[in-house]
N, C-alpha and C. Protein backbone atom coordinates (compact mmCIF):
# COMPACT_ATOMS: atom_id res chain seq x y z
N MET A 1 0.56 -1.28 0.14
CA MET A 1 0.08 0.27 -0.10
C MET A 1 1.23 1.21 -0.05
N GLN A 2 2.02 1.34 0.89
CA GLN A 2 2.88 2.39 0.87
C GLN A 2 3.51 2.50 -0.47
N ALA A 3 3.42 1.68 -1.44
CA ALA A 3 4.40 1.98 -2.61
C ALA A 3 3.37 2.26 -3.29
N LEU A 4 1.98 2.23 -3.43
CA LEU A 4 1.11 2.53 -4.05
C LEU A 4 1.23 4.15 -4.37
N LYS A 5 1.13 4.64 -2.80
CA LYS A 5 0.70 5.80 -2.04
C LYS A 5 1.73 6.72 -3.13
N ILE A 6 3.06 6.30 -2.77
CA ILE A 6 4.02 6.50 -3.28
C ILE A 6 4.06 7.07 -4.79
N LEU A 7 3.82 5.81 -5.58
CA LEU A 7 3.87 5.78 -7.49
C LEU A 7 2.71 6.84 -7.64
N THR A 8 1.64 6.75 -6.96
CA THR A 8 0.90 7.91 -7.34
C THR A 8 1.11 9.18 -6.89
N GLY A 9 1.87 9.72 -5.98
CA GLY A 9 2.56 10.49 -5.41
C GLY A 9 3.07 11.40 -6.80
N VAL A 10 4.34 10.33 -7.75
CA VAL A 10 5.33 10.94 -8.58
C VAL A 10 4.46 10.62 -10.03
N MET A 11 3.29 9.87 -10.05
CA MET A 11 2.62 10.42 -10.91
C MET A 11 2.07 11.37 -11.53
N GLY A 12 1.57 11.66 -10.12
CA GLY A 12 0.48 13.46 -9.71
C GLY A 12 1.87 14.57 -10.70
N VAL A 13 3.07 14.34 -9.98
CA VAL A 13 4.13 15.74 -10.22
C VAL A 13 4.52 15.15 -11.80
N LEU A 14 4.78 14.28 -12.23
CA LEU A 14 4.85 14.51 -13.67
C LEU A 14 3.67 15.04 -14.37
N ILE A 15 2.95 14.79 -14.14
CA ILE A 15 1.48 15.28 -14.59
C ILE A 15 1.96 17.20 -14.91
N VAL A 16 1.69 17.65 -13.49
CA VAL A 16 1.88 18.72 -13.55
C VAL A 16 3.21 19.27 -13.85
N VAL A 17 4.14 18.42 -14.11
CA VAL A 17 5.54 18.76 -14.61
C VAL A 17 5.42 19.73 -16.01
N GLY A 18 4.82 18.01 -16.79
CA GLY A 18 4.28 18.12 -18.08
C GLY A 18 3.49 19.34 -18.62
N VAL A 19 2.11 19.93 -17.71
CA VAL A 19 1.25 20.13 -18.36
C VAL A 19 1.86 21.82 -18.25
N VAL A 20 2.98 22.64 -16.73
CA VAL A 20 3.81 23.21 -17.31
C VAL A 20 4.61 23.32 -18.44
N VAL A 21 5.48 22.46 -18.53
CA VAL A 21 6.17 22.31 -19.56
C VAL A 21 5.49 22.56 -21.03
N LEU A 22 4.49 22.13 -21.01
CA LEU A 22 3.13 22.30 -22.42
C LEU A 22 3.27 23.73 -22.61
N GLY A 23 2.60 24.55 -21.68
CA GLY A 23 1.95 26.01 -20.92
C GLY A 23 3.28 27.03 -21.75
N VAL A 24 5.01 26.30 -21.16
CA VAL A 24 5.63 27.58 -21.97
C VAL A 24 6.12 27.27 -22.94
N VAL A 25 6.37 26.22 -23.61
CA VAL A 25 6.18 25.97 -24.95
C VAL A 25 5.53 26.49 -26.15
N VAL A 26 4.19 26.16 -25.52
CA VAL A 26 2.81 27.01 -26.52
C VAL A 26 2.78 28.69 -26.54
N SER A 27 3.48 28.83 -24.87
CA SER A 27 2.76 30.58 -24.65
C SER A 27 4.51 30.78 -25.83
N GLY A 28 5.63 30.48 -25.88
CA GLY A 28 7.22 30.90 -26.19
C GLY A 28 6.34 30.85 -27.93
N ARG A 29 5.70 29.72 -28.32
CA ARG A 29 5.93 29.93 -29.71
C ARG A 29 4.63 30.54 -30.32
N MET A 30 3.74 30.96 -29.54
CA MET A 30 2.65 32.37 -30.17
C MET A 30 3.65 33.27 -29.37
N ALA A 31 4.70 33.53 -28.78
CA ALA A 31 5.07 35.16 -28.45
C ALA A 31 6.33 35.36 -29.46
N ALA A 32 7.05 34.67 -30.15
CA ALA A 32 7.89 34.58 -30.83
C ALA A 32 8.02 33.94 -32.34
N PRO A 33 7.48 34.44 -33.33
CA PRO A 33 6.58 33.42 -34.58
C PRO A 33 7.97 33.67 -35.30
N LYS A 34 8.23 32.89 -36.36
CA LYS A 34 9.65 33.00 -37.30
C LYS A 34 9.82 33.67 -37.92
N GLY A 35 10.86 34.32 -38.67
CA GLY A 35 10.86 34.88 -39.67
C GLY A 35 10.43 36.90 -38.89
N GLY A 36 11.09 36.90 -37.69
CA GLY A 36 10.49 38.47 -37.32
C GLY A 36 11.90 39.27 -37.72
N GLY A 37 12.62 39.46 -37.95
CA GLY A 37 13.58 39.95 -39.01
C GLY A 37 13.13 40.45 -40.43
N PRO A 38 13.47 41.63 -41.07
CA PRO A 38 13.02 42.20 -41.68
C PRO A 38 13.30 41.85 -43.32
N VAL A 39 12.60 41.97 -44.60
CA VAL A 39 12.57 40.82 -45.69
C VAL A 39 13.35 41.91 -46.88
N VAL A 40 14.32 41.32 -47.46
CA VAL A 40 15.26 42.01 -48.19
C VAL A 40 15.04 41.16 -49.89
N LEU A 41 14.22 42.11 -50.35
CA LEU A 41 13.30 41.50 -51.53
C LEU A 41 14.82 41.51 -52.70
N ASP A 42 15.17 41.08 -53.31
CA ASP A 42 16.57 40.70 -54.57
C ASP A 42 16.38 41.46 -55.62
N GLU A 43 15.97 42.17 -55.65
CA GLU A 43 15.37 43.17 -57.08
C GLU A 43 16.37 44.22 -57.49
N PRO A 44 16.20 44.62 -59.08
CA PRO A 44 17.07 45.39 -59.60
C PRO A 44 16.93 46.48 -58.74
N GLU A 45 18.09 47.45 -59.17
CA GLU A 45 18.27 49.31 -58.21
C GLU A 45 17.09 49.24 -59.64
N GLY A 46 15.84 50.62 -58.95
CA GLY A 46 15.07 51.15 -59.36
C GLY A 46 14.07 50.89 -58.83
N SER A 47 13.69 49.78 -58.99
CA SER A 47 12.71 49.05 -58.04
C SER A 47 11.92 50.22 -57.15
N ARG A 48 10.98 50.45 -56.64
CA ARG A 48 10.01 50.32 -55.60
C ARG A 48 8.79 49.44 -55.61
N ILE A 49 8.63 49.43 -54.45
CA ILE A 49 6.99 48.72 -53.79
C ILE A 49 5.79 49.77 -54.15
N VAL A 50 5.10 49.64 -55.16
CA VAL A 50 3.99 50.80 -55.36
C VAL A 50 2.66 50.00 -54.38
N GLN A 51 2.94 49.02 -54.21
CA GLN A 51 1.34 47.95 -53.47
C GLN A 51 1.54 46.90 -53.26
N VAL A 52 1.14 46.43 -51.27
CA VAL A 52 1.06 45.81 -51.19
C VAL A 52 -0.31 44.76 -50.47
N SER A 53 -0.44 44.08 -50.63
CA SER A 53 -1.90 43.26 -50.32
C SER A 53 -1.44 41.81 -49.03
N ALA A 54 -1.94 41.57 -48.72
CA ALA A 54 -2.25 40.20 -47.55
C ALA A 54 -3.48 39.62 -48.53
N ALA A 55 -3.32 38.22 -48.27
CA ALA A 55 -4.27 37.42 -48.66
C ALA A 55 -4.00 35.89 -48.12
N GLY A 56 -4.54 36.31 -46.99
CA GLY A 56 -4.26 34.95 -46.20
C GLY A 56 -3.11 34.72 -45.41
N ASP A 57 -1.65 33.84 -45.88
CA ASP A 57 -0.83 33.26 -45.11
C ASP A 57 0.62 34.34 -46.34
N ARG A 58 -0.15 34.95 -47.34
CA ARG A 58 0.27 35.06 -48.42
C ARG A 58 0.24 36.95 -48.35
N VAL A 59 2.07 37.63 -49.24
CA VAL A 59 1.65 38.86 -49.20
C VAL A 59 1.99 38.68 -50.46
N VAL A 60 1.69 39.99 -51.46
CA VAL A 60 1.95 40.38 -52.22
C VAL A 60 2.26 41.82 -52.58
N ALA A 61 3.36 41.37 -53.31
CA ALA A 61 3.64 43.33 -53.08
C ALA A 61 4.16 43.55 -55.29
N LEU A 62 3.43 44.84 -55.51
CA LEU A 62 3.63 44.97 -56.80
C LEU A 62 4.70 45.76 -56.93
N LEU A 63 5.33 45.60 -58.17
CA LEU A 63 6.50 46.59 -58.05
C LEU A 63 6.84 46.86 -59.67
N GLN A 64 7.32 48.16 -59.67
CA GLN A 64 7.71 49.08 -60.60
C GLN A 64 9.06 49.23 -60.73
N GLY A 65 9.68 49.52 -61.94
CA GLY A 65 10.88 50.40 -61.93
C GLY A 65 11.87 49.10 -61.86
N GLY A 66 13.13 49.19 -62.72
CA GLY A 66 13.89 48.52 -62.78
C GLY A 66 13.92 47.20 -63.30
N GLY A 67 12.90 47.62 -64.21
CA GLY A 67 12.30 46.24 -65.55
C GLY A 67 10.90 46.51 -65.46
N PRO A 68 10.29 45.52 -66.56
CA PRO A 68 8.97 45.19 -66.56
C PRO A 68 8.30 45.31 -64.69
N ASP A 69 6.94 45.61 -65.27
CA ASP A 69 6.16 45.61 -64.03
C ASP A 69 6.01 43.99 -63.27
N ARG A 70 5.99 44.18 -62.37
CA ARG A 70 5.49 42.50 -61.78
C ARG A 70 5.39 42.21 -60.23
N MET A 71 4.94 41.10 -60.09
CA MET A 71 4.23 40.91 -58.34
C MET A 71 5.35 39.83 -58.12
N VAL A 72 5.34 40.30 -56.73
CA VAL A 72 5.97 39.13 -55.45
C VAL A 72 5.45 38.55 -55.08
N VAL A 73 5.43 37.04 -54.51
CA VAL A 73 4.24 36.82 -53.39
C VAL A 73 5.22 36.21 -52.39
N LEU A 74 5.04 36.52 -51.14
CA LEU A 74 5.50 36.33 -50.34
C LEU A 74 5.28 35.50 -49.01
N ASP A 75 5.45 34.34 -48.16
CA ASP A 75 5.14 33.69 -47.33
C ASP A 75 4.95 34.58 -46.41
N ALA A 76 3.94 34.80 -45.72
CA ALA A 76 3.59 35.79 -44.84
C ALA A 76 4.32 35.42 -43.44
N ARG A 77 4.67 34.23 -43.06
CA ARG A 77 5.76 33.85 -41.85
C ARG A 77 6.96 34.02 -41.64
N SER A 78 7.70 33.29 -42.86
CA SER A 78 8.90 33.37 -43.17
C SER A 78 9.54 34.47 -44.36
N GLY A 79 8.34 35.42 -44.80
CA GLY A 79 9.53 36.27 -45.31
C GLY A 79 10.07 35.76 -46.53
N THR A 80 10.05 34.02 -47.19
CA THR A 80 10.44 34.00 -48.79
C THR A 80 10.05 34.58 -49.71
N VAL A 81 10.28 34.38 -50.53
CA VAL A 81 9.50 35.06 -51.84
C VAL A 81 9.15 33.60 -52.16
N VAL A 82 7.62 32.86 -53.16
CA VAL A 82 7.12 32.46 -53.01
C VAL A 82 7.07 32.31 -54.68
N ALA A 83 6.47 33.16 -55.30
CA ALA A 83 6.86 33.36 -56.63
C ALA A 83 6.91 35.02 -57.14
N ARG A 84 7.22 34.87 -58.39
CA ARG A 84 7.52 36.45 -58.94
C ARG A 84 6.67 35.78 -60.10
N MET A 85 5.72 36.78 -60.87
CA MET A 85 5.31 37.43 -61.55
C MET A 85 5.23 38.61 -62.55
N GLY A 86 5.43 38.23 -64.04
CA GLY A 86 5.47 39.63 -64.47
C GLY A 86 5.10 39.16 -65.73
N LEU A 87 5.11 39.86 -66.94
CA LEU A 87 4.42 40.18 -68.03
C LEU A 87 5.69 40.47 -69.04
N ALA A 88 5.76 39.21 -69.90
CA ALA A 88 6.63 39.36 -70.92
C ALA A 88 6.46 40.37 -72.05
N HIS A 89 7.84 41.09 -72.73
CA HIS A 89 7.70 42.43 -73.28
C HIS A 89 7.62 41.67 -74.51
């Protein structure tokens, strides 16, 4: 009976520790999303951002100058370029 009481106490402590660790991990991930730094586009000199639109988890930037007009699609979380669209002349 003594061993059962000790085992129950140890398991209770493990449950509490597990819940605390889970709470810390979840709150840490919510507070510090990935890709928090500045996004730098590799575009030709003279390019400028004319318009920016959000579409779900994507950000679309309309660029002019430095060549033909074009759109760059970015992943909103990581800031990486997903696609580039432009018209051929």
